[in-house]
């Protein structure tokens, strides 16, 4: 039987492995694999198949509404009238809001991601007998495994 578990990158992995070794699991039966970090820069704009749930138009639409009301109000006094100045105000407000959102996503959130230093997960694979599976699963969960899966291996 094989038991797969995932851990965050922490000291609890070493503690789990040493506990398994103390319980009689051979060192050759324990396999620890770190996952690679993403090397390419994250994409700012979404596409049809991937979305991060961040909207770029929310601030732009709010500012477009505010600027169009202001532009239409001032437009009664100006030469082109309230409709044109309302549309001009809406376009300017949307562009300012869109620019603010792009700035926060590209500059500010990139700094936060670099400061946080996100590490990838680690996979622990244990080959064992079916009678040891429950004990190993309890040990892994007690050392803060994110998830555990058991697979029967046909020999």
N, C-alpha and C. Protein backbone atom coordinates (compact mmCIF):
# COMPACT_ATOMS: atom_id res chain seq x y z
N UNK A 1 0.84 -1.16 0.00
CA UNK A 1 0.00 0.00 0.00
C UNK A 1 0.90 1.24 0.00
N UNK A 2 0.46 2.28 -0.68
CA UNK A 2 1.17 3.55 -0.69
C UNK A 2 0.29 4.62 -0.08
N UNK A 3 0.92 5.48 0.73
CA UNK A 3 0.21 6.59 1.34
C UNK A 3 0.87 7.88 0.87
N UNK A 4 0.07 8.76 0.28
CA UNK A 4 0.54 10.05 -0.21
C UNK A 4 0.02 11.13 0.73
N UNK A 5 0.87 12.10 1.07
CA UNK A 5 0.42 13.22 1.88
C UNK A 5 1.15 14.48 1.43
N UNK A 6 0.51 15.61 1.65
CA UNK A 6 1.13 16.89 1.31
C UNK A 6 1.30 17.71 2.58
N UNK A 7 2.41 18.45 2.63
CA UNK A 7 2.73 19.30 3.75
C UNK A 7 3.12 20.68 3.24
N UNK A 8 2.93 21.68 4.09
CA UNK A 8 3.55 22.97 3.82
C UNK A 8 5.03 22.84 4.15
N UNK A 9 5.82 23.72 3.59
CA UNK A 9 7.26 23.67 3.82
C UNK A 9 7.54 24.12 5.25
N UNK A 10 7.72 23.14 6.18
CA UNK A 10 7.94 23.46 7.59
C UNK A 10 8.74 22.35 8.26
N UNK A 11 9.00 22.52 9.54
CA UNK A 11 9.77 21.55 10.30
C UNK A 11 8.95 20.30 10.61
N UNK A 12 7.63 20.37 10.46
CA UNK A 12 6.78 19.24 10.78
C UNK A 12 7.01 18.04 9.86
N UNK A 13 7.56 18.28 8.68
CA UNK A 13 7.88 17.17 7.76
C UNK A 13 8.96 16.29 8.38
N UNK A 14 10.02 16.93 8.87
CA UNK A 14 11.11 16.18 9.51
C UNK A 14 10.61 15.44 10.74
N UNK A 15 9.75 16.08 11.49
CA UNK A 15 9.21 15.43 12.68
C UNK A 15 8.35 14.22 12.31
N UNK A 16 7.56 14.33 11.25
CA UNK A 16 6.72 13.22 10.81
C UNK A 16 7.58 12.06 10.32
N UNK A 17 8.63 12.37 9.55
CA UNK A 17 9.50 11.31 9.02
C UNK A 17 10.23 10.61 10.16
N UNK A 18 10.73 11.35 11.13
CA UNK A 18 11.44 10.72 12.25
C UNK A 18 10.48 9.88 13.10
N UNK A 19 9.23 10.33 13.26
CA UNK A 19 8.25 9.54 14.00
C UNK A 19 7.92 8.25 13.26
N UNK A 20 7.82 8.32 11.94
CA UNK A 20 7.56 7.11 11.15
C UNK A 20 8.72 6.13 11.28
N UNK A 21 9.94 6.64 11.27
CA UNK A 21 11.11 5.77 11.42
C UNK A 21 11.14 5.13 12.81
N UNK A 22 10.74 5.86 13.83
CA UNK A 22 10.69 5.31 15.19
C UNK A 22 9.64 4.22 15.31
N UNK A 23 8.58 4.31 14.51
CA UNK A 23 7.50 3.32 14.56
C UNK A 23 7.80 2.09 13.70
N UNK A 24 8.99 2.06 13.08
CA UNK A 24 9.39 0.86 12.36
C UNK A 24 9.31 0.93 10.86
N UNK A 25 8.98 2.06 10.30
CA UNK A 25 8.95 2.21 8.84
C UNK A 25 10.38 2.44 8.38
N UNK A 26 10.82 1.64 7.40
CA UNK A 26 12.20 1.76 6.92
C UNK A 26 12.40 3.09 6.18
N UNK A 27 13.63 3.58 6.26
CA UNK A 27 13.98 4.83 5.61
C UNK A 27 13.80 4.73 4.10
N UNK A 28 14.01 3.54 3.53
CA UNK A 28 13.87 3.33 2.09
C UNK A 28 12.41 3.37 1.64
N UNK A 29 11.48 3.23 2.59
CA UNK A 29 10.05 3.22 2.26
C UNK A 29 9.43 4.61 2.32
N UNK A 30 10.21 5.62 2.74
CA UNK A 30 9.71 6.98 2.86
C UNK A 30 10.36 7.83 1.77
N UNK A 31 9.53 8.48 0.98
CA UNK A 31 10.02 9.27 -0.14
C UNK A 31 9.45 10.68 -0.01
N UNK A 32 10.32 11.70 0.07
CA UNK A 32 9.89 13.09 0.23
C UNK A 32 10.26 13.86 -1.03
N UNK A 33 9.27 14.52 -1.63
CA UNK A 33 9.46 15.24 -2.90
C UNK A 33 8.99 16.68 -2.75
N UNK A 34 9.90 17.66 -2.88
CA UNK A 34 9.44 19.06 -2.88
C UNK A 34 8.93 19.45 -4.27
N UNK A 35 7.87 20.20 -4.29
CA UNK A 35 7.34 20.69 -5.56
C UNK A 35 8.10 21.95 -5.95
N UNK A 36 8.30 22.15 -7.24
CA UNK A 36 9.02 23.33 -7.73
C UNK A 36 8.14 24.56 -7.63
N UNK A 37 8.77 25.69 -7.33
CA UNK A 37 8.07 26.96 -7.34
C UNK A 37 7.87 27.41 -8.77
N UNK A 38 6.85 28.24 -8.97
CA UNK A 38 6.58 28.78 -10.30
C UNK A 38 7.68 29.77 -10.64
N UNK A 39 8.35 29.55 -11.78
CA UNK A 39 9.47 30.40 -12.14
C UNK A 39 9.04 31.58 -13.00
N UNK A 40 8.01 31.44 -13.80
CA UNK A 40 7.61 32.54 -14.66
C UNK A 40 6.76 33.54 -13.87
N UNK A 41 6.77 34.76 -14.32
CA UNK A 41 6.03 35.83 -13.66
C UNK A 41 4.53 35.57 -13.83
N UNK A 42 3.77 35.82 -12.79
CA UNK A 42 2.32 35.63 -12.88
C UNK A 42 1.72 36.63 -13.85
N UNK A 43 0.71 36.20 -14.57
CA UNK A 43 0.07 37.06 -15.55
C UNK A 43 -0.88 38.02 -14.85
N UNK A 44 -0.90 39.25 -15.32
CA UNK A 44 -1.76 40.26 -14.72
C UNK A 44 -3.16 40.17 -15.30
N UNK A 45 -3.27 40.00 -16.62
CA UNK A 45 -4.58 39.96 -17.26
C UNK A 45 -5.07 38.53 -17.37
N UNK A 46 -6.36 38.33 -17.16
CA UNK A 46 -6.96 37.02 -17.24
C UNK A 46 -7.24 36.67 -18.70
N UNK A 47 -7.42 35.38 -18.94
CA UNK A 47 -7.85 34.96 -20.27
C UNK A 47 -9.10 34.10 -20.12
N UNK A 48 -9.51 33.47 -21.18
CA UNK A 48 -10.75 32.71 -21.18
C UNK A 48 -10.68 31.50 -20.25
N UNK A 49 -9.51 30.92 -20.08
CA UNK A 49 -9.37 29.67 -19.35
C UNK A 49 -8.86 29.84 -17.92
N UNK A 50 -8.39 31.02 -17.55
CA UNK A 50 -7.84 31.22 -16.21
C UNK A 50 -8.23 32.60 -15.71
N UNK A 51 -8.74 32.64 -14.48
CA UNK A 51 -9.12 33.91 -13.88
C UNK A 51 -8.73 33.87 -12.41
N UNK A 52 -8.16 34.97 -11.92
CA UNK A 52 -7.78 35.02 -10.51
C UNK A 52 -8.82 35.73 -9.65
N UNK A 53 -9.93 36.14 -10.25
CA UNK A 53 -11.00 36.75 -9.48
C UNK A 53 -10.82 38.23 -9.21
N UNK A 54 -9.82 38.86 -9.81
CA UNK A 54 -9.57 40.28 -9.61
C UNK A 54 -10.14 41.05 -10.80
N UNK A 55 -10.92 42.07 -10.51
CA UNK A 55 -11.51 42.89 -11.56
C UNK A 55 -10.71 44.17 -11.73
N UNK A 56 -10.48 44.56 -12.97
CA UNK A 56 -9.75 45.80 -13.24
C UNK A 56 -10.69 46.97 -13.50
N UNK A 57 -11.97 46.71 -13.69
CA UNK A 57 -12.88 47.79 -14.07
C UNK A 57 -13.71 48.32 -12.91
N UNK A 58 -13.61 47.75 -11.72
CA UNK A 58 -14.47 48.18 -10.63
C UNK A 58 -14.23 49.62 -10.23
N UNK A 59 -12.99 50.01 -10.01
CA UNK A 59 -12.68 51.39 -9.65
C UNK A 59 -12.94 52.31 -10.84
N UNK A 60 -12.64 51.82 -12.05
CA UNK A 60 -12.85 52.61 -13.26
C UNK A 60 -14.31 52.95 -13.48
N UNK A 61 -15.20 52.01 -13.23
CA UNK A 61 -16.63 52.26 -13.42
C UNK A 61 -17.14 53.25 -12.37
N UNK A 62 -16.67 53.11 -11.14
CA UNK A 62 -17.10 54.05 -10.09
C UNK A 62 -16.63 55.47 -10.40
N UNK A 63 -15.37 55.60 -10.80
CA UNK A 63 -14.86 56.93 -11.13
C UNK A 63 -15.50 57.47 -12.42
N UNK A 64 -15.81 56.60 -13.36
CA UNK A 64 -16.48 57.05 -14.58
C UNK A 64 -17.85 57.64 -14.25
N UNK A 65 -18.56 56.99 -13.34
CA UNK A 65 -19.87 57.52 -12.93
C UNK A 65 -19.73 58.88 -12.27
N UNK A 66 -18.80 58.99 -11.34
CA UNK A 66 -18.61 60.25 -10.63
C UNK A 66 -18.16 61.36 -11.58
N UNK A 67 -17.19 61.06 -12.44
CA UNK A 67 -16.68 62.09 -13.35
C UNK A 67 -17.72 62.47 -14.41
N UNK A 68 -18.57 61.53 -14.82
CA UNK A 68 -19.60 61.88 -15.81
C UNK A 68 -20.65 62.80 -15.21
N UNK A 69 -20.99 62.59 -13.94
CA UNK A 69 -21.94 63.49 -13.28
C UNK A 69 -21.34 64.88 -13.15
N UNK A 70 -20.08 64.94 -12.74
CA UNK A 70 -19.41 66.23 -12.62
C UNK A 70 -19.28 66.90 -13.98
N UNK A 71 -18.88 66.10 -15.00
CA UNK A 71 -18.74 66.66 -16.36
C UNK A 71 -20.06 67.16 -16.92
N UNK A 72 -21.14 66.42 -16.67
CA UNK A 72 -22.45 66.86 -17.16
C UNK A 72 -22.91 68.12 -16.43
N UNK A 73 -22.62 68.20 -15.15
CA UNK A 73 -23.01 69.39 -14.39
C UNK A 73 -22.26 70.62 -14.88
N UNK A 74 -20.96 70.48 -15.09
CA UNK A 74 -20.16 71.60 -15.58
C UNK A 74 -20.46 71.89 -17.05
N UNK A 75 -20.90 70.85 -17.77
CA UNK A 75 -21.17 70.99 -19.20
C UNK A 75 -22.28 71.95 -19.54
N UNK A 76 -23.16 72.24 -18.59
CA UNK A 76 -24.21 73.24 -18.85
C UNK A 76 -23.63 74.63 -19.07
N UNK A 77 -22.46 74.85 -18.51
CA UNK A 77 -21.81 76.15 -18.63
C UNK A 77 -20.85 76.22 -19.82
N UNK A 78 -20.44 75.06 -20.36
CA UNK A 78 -19.41 75.01 -21.41
C UNK A 78 -20.03 74.93 -22.80
N UNK A 79 -19.16 75.05 -23.80
CA UNK A 79 -19.63 75.18 -25.18
C UNK A 79 -20.24 73.88 -25.73
N UNK A 80 -19.70 72.73 -25.43
CA UNK A 80 -20.19 71.50 -26.06
C UNK A 80 -21.44 70.94 -25.40
N UNK A 81 -21.79 71.39 -24.26
CA UNK A 81 -23.01 70.95 -23.61
C UNK A 81 -22.78 69.80 -22.64
N UNK A 82 -23.82 69.44 -21.89
CA UNK A 82 -23.68 68.46 -20.81
C UNK A 82 -23.45 67.02 -21.30
N UNK A 83 -23.98 66.66 -22.46
CA UNK A 83 -23.84 65.27 -22.92
C UNK A 83 -22.40 64.98 -23.29
N UNK A 84 -21.79 65.82 -24.10
CA UNK A 84 -20.39 65.59 -24.48
C UNK A 84 -19.47 65.62 -23.27
N UNK A 85 -19.67 66.61 -22.39
CA UNK A 85 -18.78 66.70 -21.24
C UNK A 85 -19.03 65.58 -20.24
N UNK A 86 -20.23 65.06 -20.20
CA UNK A 86 -20.50 63.88 -19.37
C UNK A 86 -19.78 62.66 -19.91
N UNK A 87 -19.78 62.49 -21.25
CA UNK A 87 -19.05 61.36 -21.87
C UNK A 87 -17.54 61.52 -21.71
N UNK A 88 -17.06 62.75 -21.86
CA UNK A 88 -15.62 63.00 -21.67
C UNK A 88 -15.23 62.71 -20.22
N UNK A 89 -16.06 63.16 -19.28
CA UNK A 89 -15.80 62.89 -17.87
C UNK A 89 -15.81 61.40 -17.56
N UNK A 90 -16.74 60.67 -18.17
CA UNK A 90 -16.81 59.22 -17.95
C UNK A 90 -15.55 58.54 -18.48
N UNK A 91 -15.08 58.93 -19.65
CA UNK A 91 -13.88 58.33 -20.23
C UNK A 91 -12.65 58.64 -19.37
N UNK A 92 -12.53 59.88 -18.93
CA UNK A 92 -11.39 60.25 -18.08
C UNK A 92 -11.44 59.50 -16.75
N UNK A 93 -12.62 59.43 -16.14
CA UNK A 93 -12.77 58.72 -14.87
C UNK A 93 -12.44 57.23 -15.00
N UNK A 94 -12.90 56.62 -16.10
CA UNK A 94 -12.61 55.20 -16.30
C UNK A 94 -11.12 54.97 -16.48
N UNK A 95 -10.46 55.81 -17.27
CA UNK A 95 -9.03 55.65 -17.49
C UNK A 95 -8.23 55.85 -16.20
N UNK A 96 -8.62 56.81 -15.38
CA UNK A 96 -7.93 57.03 -14.11
C UNK A 96 -8.12 55.82 -13.19
N UNK A 97 -9.36 55.32 -13.09
CA UNK A 97 -9.62 54.16 -12.24
C UNK A 97 -8.92 52.91 -12.73
N UNK A 98 -8.91 52.70 -14.03
CA UNK A 98 -8.21 51.56 -14.61
C UNK A 98 -6.71 51.66 -14.33
N UNK A 99 -6.16 52.88 -14.47
CA UNK A 99 -4.74 53.08 -14.18
C UNK A 99 -4.40 52.82 -12.72
N UNK A 100 -5.27 53.25 -11.82
CA UNK A 100 -5.05 52.98 -10.39
C UNK A 100 -5.04 51.48 -10.13
N UNK A 101 -5.97 50.76 -10.72
CA UNK A 101 -6.07 49.32 -10.49
C UNK A 101 -4.86 48.58 -11.07
N UNK A 102 -4.41 48.98 -12.25
CA UNK A 102 -3.22 48.36 -12.85
C UNK A 102 -2.01 48.62 -11.95
N UNK A 103 -1.87 49.85 -11.46
CA UNK A 103 -0.75 50.19 -10.59
C UNK A 103 -0.76 49.32 -9.34
N UNK A 104 -1.92 49.17 -8.70
CA UNK A 104 -1.97 48.38 -7.46
C UNK A 104 -1.67 46.91 -7.73
N UNK A 105 -2.13 46.37 -8.84
CA UNK A 105 -1.90 44.95 -9.13
C UNK A 105 -0.45 44.68 -9.52
N UNK A 106 0.12 45.52 -10.34
CA UNK A 106 1.47 45.26 -10.85
C UNK A 106 2.54 45.66 -9.83
N UNK A 107 2.44 46.84 -9.27
CA UNK A 107 3.51 47.35 -8.40
C UNK A 107 3.32 46.90 -6.95
N UNK A 108 2.20 47.23 -6.36
CA UNK A 108 2.02 47.00 -4.92
C UNK A 108 1.89 45.52 -4.58
N UNK A 109 1.09 44.78 -5.32
CA UNK A 109 0.90 43.36 -5.00
C UNK A 109 2.12 42.53 -5.34
N UNK A 110 2.91 42.96 -6.31
CA UNK A 110 4.15 42.26 -6.61
C UNK A 110 5.11 42.37 -5.43
N UNK A 111 5.18 43.54 -4.83
CA UNK A 111 6.03 43.73 -3.65
C UNK A 111 5.57 42.83 -2.51
N UNK A 112 4.27 42.73 -2.31
CA UNK A 112 3.75 41.88 -1.24
C UNK A 112 4.08 40.42 -1.48
N UNK A 113 3.98 39.96 -2.75
CA UNK A 113 4.31 38.56 -3.06
C UNK A 113 5.78 38.29 -2.81
N UNK A 114 6.65 39.26 -3.15
CA UNK A 114 8.07 39.07 -2.92
C UNK A 114 8.40 39.08 -1.43
N UNK A 115 7.73 39.91 -0.65
CA UNK A 115 7.99 39.96 0.77
C UNK A 115 7.49 38.70 1.48
N UNK A 116 6.37 38.18 1.01
CA UNK A 116 5.79 37.02 1.67
C UNK A 116 6.65 35.79 1.47
N UNK A 117 7.30 35.66 0.34
CA UNK A 117 8.18 34.53 0.09
C UNK A 117 7.45 33.20 0.09
N UNK A 118 6.46 33.04 -0.75
CA UNK A 118 5.64 31.83 -0.79
C UNK A 118 6.48 30.62 -1.19
N UNK A 119 6.38 29.55 -0.40
CA UNK A 119 7.09 28.32 -0.70
C UNK A 119 6.08 27.26 -1.14
N UNK A 120 6.55 26.34 -1.97
CA UNK A 120 5.66 25.31 -2.46
C UNK A 120 5.45 24.22 -1.43
N UNK A 121 4.56 23.33 -1.72
CA UNK A 121 4.26 22.22 -0.84
C UNK A 121 5.26 21.09 -1.05
N UNK A 122 5.19 20.13 -0.14
CA UNK A 122 6.05 18.95 -0.21
C UNK A 122 5.17 17.72 -0.15
N UNK A 123 5.48 16.73 -0.98
CA UNK A 123 4.73 15.47 -1.01
C UNK A 123 5.56 14.41 -0.31
N UNK A 124 4.91 13.67 0.59
CA UNK A 124 5.55 12.56 1.29
C UNK A 124 4.84 11.29 0.85
N UNK A 125 5.61 10.32 0.34
CA UNK A 125 5.06 9.04 -0.11
C UNK A 125 5.64 7.96 0.79
N UNK A 126 4.78 7.11 1.35
CA UNK A 126 5.22 6.05 2.26
C UNK A 126 4.72 4.71 1.72
N UNK A 127 5.65 3.77 1.48
CA UNK A 127 5.29 2.40 1.14
C UNK A 127 5.14 1.62 2.44
N UNK A 128 4.02 0.92 2.61
CA UNK A 128 3.80 0.20 3.86
C UNK A 128 2.87 -0.98 3.64
N UNK A 129 2.70 -1.75 4.68
CA UNK A 129 1.72 -2.83 4.68
C UNK A 129 0.34 -2.24 4.98
N UNK A 130 -0.69 -2.98 4.59
CA UNK A 130 -2.05 -2.48 4.79
C UNK A 130 -2.38 -2.34 6.28
N UNK A 131 -1.78 -3.16 7.12
CA UNK A 131 -2.05 -3.09 8.56
C UNK A 131 -1.45 -1.84 9.20
N UNK A 132 -0.42 -1.25 8.59
CA UNK A 132 0.23 -0.06 9.14
C UNK A 132 -0.39 1.25 8.64
N UNK A 133 -1.30 1.16 7.70
CA UNK A 133 -1.82 2.35 7.02
C UNK A 133 -2.51 3.31 7.97
N UNK A 134 -3.34 2.78 8.86
CA UNK A 134 -4.08 3.65 9.79
C UNK A 134 -3.13 4.40 10.72
N UNK A 135 -2.10 3.71 11.24
CA UNK A 135 -1.14 4.34 12.13
C UNK A 135 -0.37 5.44 11.40
N UNK A 136 0.07 5.17 10.17
CA UNK A 136 0.82 6.14 9.39
C UNK A 136 -0.04 7.37 9.08
N UNK A 137 -1.29 7.12 8.73
CA UNK A 137 -2.21 8.23 8.44
C UNK A 137 -2.38 9.12 9.68
N UNK A 138 -2.53 8.51 10.85
CA UNK A 138 -2.68 9.29 12.08
C UNK A 138 -1.42 10.09 12.40
N UNK A 139 -0.25 9.49 12.15
CA UNK A 139 1.01 10.20 12.39
C UNK A 139 1.13 11.40 11.46
N UNK A 140 0.81 11.21 10.20
CA UNK A 140 0.91 12.31 9.23
C UNK A 140 -0.05 13.45 9.57
N UNK A 141 -1.29 13.10 9.94
CA UNK A 141 -2.24 14.15 10.30
C UNK A 141 -1.86 14.84 11.60
N UNK A 142 -1.26 14.10 12.54
CA UNK A 142 -0.87 14.73 13.79
C UNK A 142 0.31 15.69 13.61
N UNK A 143 1.03 15.55 12.49
CA UNK A 143 2.13 16.47 12.17
C UNK A 143 1.70 17.46 11.10
N UNK A 144 0.41 17.76 11.06
CA UNK A 144 -0.16 18.83 10.23
C UNK A 144 -0.04 18.60 8.73
N UNK A 145 -0.33 17.40 8.29
CA UNK A 145 -0.41 17.14 6.84
C UNK A 145 -1.64 17.87 6.30
N UNK A 146 -1.51 18.43 5.11
CA UNK A 146 -2.65 19.11 4.49
C UNK A 146 -3.68 18.13 3.98
N UNK A 147 -3.21 16.97 3.48
CA UNK A 147 -4.10 15.95 2.98
C UNK A 147 -3.37 14.63 2.90
N UNK A 148 -4.14 13.53 3.01
CA UNK A 148 -3.57 12.18 2.96
C UNK A 148 -4.44 11.32 2.06
N UNK A 149 -3.79 10.50 1.20
CA UNK A 149 -4.51 9.57 0.34
C UNK A 149 -3.85 8.22 0.43
N UNK A 150 -4.69 7.15 0.46
CA UNK A 150 -4.18 5.77 0.52
C UNK A 150 -4.53 5.07 -0.79
N UNK A 151 -3.52 4.35 -1.32
CA UNK A 151 -3.72 3.62 -2.57
C UNK A 151 -3.20 2.20 -2.38
N UNK A 152 -4.06 1.22 -2.72
CA UNK A 152 -3.63 -0.16 -2.68
C UNK A 152 -2.85 -0.47 -3.94
N UNK A 153 -1.67 -1.04 -3.76
CA UNK A 153 -0.81 -1.36 -4.90
C UNK A 153 -0.97 -2.84 -5.19
N UNK A 154 -1.34 -3.16 -6.43
CA UNK A 154 -1.50 -4.56 -6.86
C UNK A 154 -0.14 -5.12 -7.24
N UNK A 155 0.24 -6.24 -6.65
CA UNK A 155 1.53 -6.84 -6.95
C UNK A 155 1.38 -8.07 -7.79
